[in-house]
C-alpha atoms as a PDB file:
ATOM      1  CA  MET A   1     -46.879  -9.873  66.809  1.00  0.00           C
ATOM      2  CA  PRO A   2     -45.320  -7.209  69.045  1.00  0.00           C
ATOM      3  CA  HIS A   3     -46.581  -3.670  68.664  1.00  0.00           C
ATOM      4  CA  GLY A   4     -43.222  -2.455  67.303  1.00  0.00           C
ATOM      5  CA  ASP A   5     -43.386  -4.987  64.480  1.00  0.00           C
ATOM      6  CA  VAL A   6     -46.791  -3.710  63.426  1.00  0.00           C
ATOM      7  CA  GLN A   7     -45.532  -0.122  63.380  1.00  0.00           C
ATOM      8  CA  ARG A   8     -42.437  -1.120  61.424  1.00  0.00           C
ATOM      9  CA  ARG A   9     -44.526  -3.056  58.892  1.00  0.00           C
ATOM     10  CA  ASP A  10     -46.894  -0.108  58.572  1.00  0.00           C
ATOM     11  CA  ALA A  11     -43.983   2.273  57.974  1.00  0.00           C
ATOM     12  CA  ASN A  12     -42.511  -0.066  55.359  1.00  0.00           C
ATOM     13  CA  LEU A  13     -45.864  -0.292  53.587  1.00  0.00           C
ATOM     14  CA  ARG A  14     -46.171   3.491  53.552  1.00  0.00           C
ATOM     15  CA  LEU A  15     -42.668   3.862  52.122  1.00  0.00           C
ATOM     16  CA  GLY A  16     -43.391   1.205  49.522  1.00  0.00           C
ATOM     17  CA  ALA A  17     -46.647   2.883  48.513  1.00  0.00           C
ATOM     18  CA  ALA A  18     -44.938   6.266  48.184  1.00  0.00           C
ATOM     19  CA  VAL A  19     -42.194   4.767  46.021  1.00  0.00           C
ATOM     20  CA  ALA A  20     -44.772   2.968  43.866  1.00  0.00           C
ATOM     21  CA  GLU A  21     -46.663   6.238  43.361  1.00  0.00           C
ATOM     22  CA  ILE A  22     -43.462   7.924  42.228  1.00  0.00           C
ATOM     23  CA  GLU A  23     -42.643   5.074  39.868  1.00  0.00           C
ATOM     24  CA  GLY A  24     -46.087   5.301  38.284  1.00  0.00           C
ATOM     25  CA  LEU A  25     -45.930   9.074  37.891  1.00  0.00           C
ATOM     26  CA  TYR A  26     -42.419   8.904  36.454  1.00  0.00           C
ATOM     27  CA  THR A  27     -43.457   6.256  33.916  1.00  0.00           C
ATOM     28  CA  ALA A  28     -46.447   8.360  32.897  1.00  0.00           C
ATOM     29  CA  LEU A  29     -44.213  11.424  32.621  1.00  0.00           C
ATOM     30  CA  LEU A  30     -41.831   9.598  30.285  1.00  0.00           C
ATOM     31  CA  ARG A  31     -44.661   8.452  28.024  1.00  0.00           C
ATOM     32  CA  THR A  32     -46.791  11.584  27.781  1.00  0.00           C
ATOM     33  CA  LYS A  33     -46.689  13.787  24.694  1.00  0.00           C
ATOM     34  CA  SER A  34     -49.025  16.545  25.889  1.00  0.00           C
ATOM     35  CA  PRO A  35     -47.202  19.601  27.318  1.00  0.00           C
ATOM     36  CA  GLY A  36     -50.086  20.334  29.698  1.00  0.00           C
ATOM     37  CA  ARG A  37     -50.167  16.806  31.038  1.00  0.00           C
ATOM     38  CA  HIS A  38     -46.375  16.837  31.290  1.00  0.00           C
ATOM     39  CA  GLU A  39     -46.496  19.890  33.587  1.00  0.00           C
ATOM     40  CA  ARG A  40     -49.264  18.380  35.732  1.00  0.00           C
ATOM     41  CA  LEU A  41     -47.304  15.151  36.093  1.00  0.00           C
ATOM     42  CA  ARG A  42     -44.165  17.089  37.061  1.00  0.00           C
ATOM     43  CA  ALA A  43     -46.141  18.892  39.757  1.00  0.00           C
ATOM     44  CA  GLU A  44     -47.603  15.608  41.020  1.00  0.00           C
ATOM     45  CA  LEU A  45     -44.172  13.985  40.965  1.00  0.00           C
ATOM     46  CA  THR A  46     -42.740  16.831  43.035  1.00  0.00           C
ATOM     47  CA  ARG A  47     -45.579  16.505  45.546  1.00  0.00           C
ATOM     48  CA  ALA A  48     -45.097  12.736  45.742  1.00  0.00           C
ATOM     49  CA  ALA A  49     -41.359  13.174  46.303  1.00  0.00           C
ATOM     50  CA  GLU A  50     -42.011  15.660  49.109  1.00  0.00           C
ATOM     51  CA  HIS A  51     -44.399  13.152  50.660  1.00  0.00           C
ATOM     52  CA  LEU A  52     -41.752  10.433  50.410  1.00  0.00           C
ATOM     53  CA  ALA A  53     -39.181  12.726  52.016  1.00  0.00           C
ATOM     54  CA  ALA A  54     -41.599  13.391  54.879  1.00  0.00           C
ATOM     55  CA  LEU A  55     -42.101   9.651  55.372  1.00  0.00           C
ATOM     56  CA  ALA A  56     -38.337   9.177  55.518  1.00  0.00           C
ATOM     57  CA  VAL A  57     -38.065  11.232  58.711  1.00  0.00           C
ATOM     58  CA  ILE A  58     -37.024   9.030  61.600  1.00  0.00           C
ATOM     59  CA  PRO A  59     -39.775   9.098  64.245  1.00  0.00           C
ATOM     60  CA  GLY A  60     -38.837  10.679  67.546  1.00  0.00           C
ATOM     61  CA  GLN A  61     -35.640  12.229  66.233  1.00  0.00           C
ATOM     62  CA  GLY A  62     -36.992  14.869  63.873  1.00  0.00           C
ATOM     63  CA  GLN A  63     -34.156  14.127  61.470  1.00  0.00           C
ATOM     64  CA  THR A  64     -34.120  12.501  58.129  1.00  0.00           C
ATOM     65  CA  ALA A  65     -32.299   9.240  57.759  1.00  0.00           C
ATOM     66  CA  SER A  66     -29.353  10.798  55.915  1.00  0.00           C
ATOM     67  CA  HIS A  67     -28.466  12.743  59.059  1.00  0.00           C
ATOM     68  CA  VAL A  68     -28.038   9.556  61.065  1.00  0.00           C
ATOM     69  CA  ALA A  69     -24.354   8.748  61.470  1.00  0.00           C
ATOM     70  CA  ARG A  70     -24.804   5.007  61.268  1.00  0.00           C
ATOM     71  CA  ARG A  71     -27.752   3.206  59.699  1.00  0.00           C
ATOM     72  CA  ARG A  72     -28.136  -0.041  61.544  1.00  0.00           C
ATOM     73  CA  SER A  73     -31.687  -1.126  60.909  1.00  0.00           C
ATOM     74  CA  ARG A  74     -33.326  -1.979  57.626  1.00  0.00           C
ATOM     75  CA  ARG A  75     -35.899   0.734  58.297  1.00  0.00           C
ATOM     76  CA  GLU A  76     -33.205   3.395  58.684  1.00  0.00           C
ATOM     77  CA  ARG A  77     -31.438   2.259  55.496  1.00  0.00           C
ATOM     78  CA  ARG A  78     -34.697   2.227  53.527  1.00  0.00           C
ATOM     79  CA  SER A  79     -35.612   5.650  54.869  1.00  0.00           C
ATOM     80  CA  ALA A  80     -32.235   7.034  53.843  1.00  0.00           C
ATOM     81  CA  LEU A  81     -32.604   5.652  50.334  1.00  0.00           C
ATOM     82  CA  ALA A  82     -36.143   6.976  50.085  1.00  0.00           C
ATOM     83  CA  GLU A  83     -35.023  10.412  51.213  1.00  0.00           C
ATOM     84  CA  ARG A  84     -32.156  10.498  48.723  1.00  0.00           C
ATOM     85  CA  GLY A  85     -34.490   9.434  45.918  1.00  0.00           C
ATOM     86  CA  ALA A  86     -37.052  12.045  46.888  1.00  0.00           C
ATOM     87  CA  ALA A  87     -34.400  14.767  46.990  1.00  0.00           C
ATOM     88  CA  TRP A  88     -33.221  13.761  43.510  1.00  0.00           C
ATOM     89  CA  ILE A  89     -36.774  13.860  42.131  1.00  0.00           C
ATOM     90  CA  ILE A  90     -37.471  17.250  43.698  1.00  0.00           C
ATOM     91  CA  LYS A  91     -34.206  18.619  42.321  1.00  0.00           C
ATOM     92  CA  ARG A  92     -34.815  17.183  38.861  1.00  0.00           C
ATOM     93  CA  TYR A  93     -38.553  17.813  38.453  1.00  0.00           C
ATOM     94  CA  GLY A  94     -39.236  20.562  40.995  1.00  0.00           C
ATOM     95  CA  GLN A  95     -40.828  23.913  40.293  1.00  0.00           C
ATOM     96  CA  ASN A  96     -37.609  25.539  39.045  1.00  0.00           C
ATOM     97  CA  ALA A  97     -36.485  22.647  36.835  1.00  0.00           C
ATOM     98  CA  HIS A  98     -36.828  22.974  33.091  1.00  0.00           C
END
């Protein structure tokens, strides 16, 4: 397996793990009744979304995938979707959200 394939697979696994973490936190947030736990989960969800947004940065370009004019590779498309999802979560559940 060429070195680039290993890096691409590793990046995809990291993105997948970050998305899975967000899905788990979001599910827990929807089901919790405790106000204290709700706030902790919101904080964790915001942190996880920021982590996902950081993973969505295209290596070597210093830009996020949404700033790329044309998304040709699967990696770039997945990164763009991950970034958009992370931005939505941060906007919805961030520190200033109610």
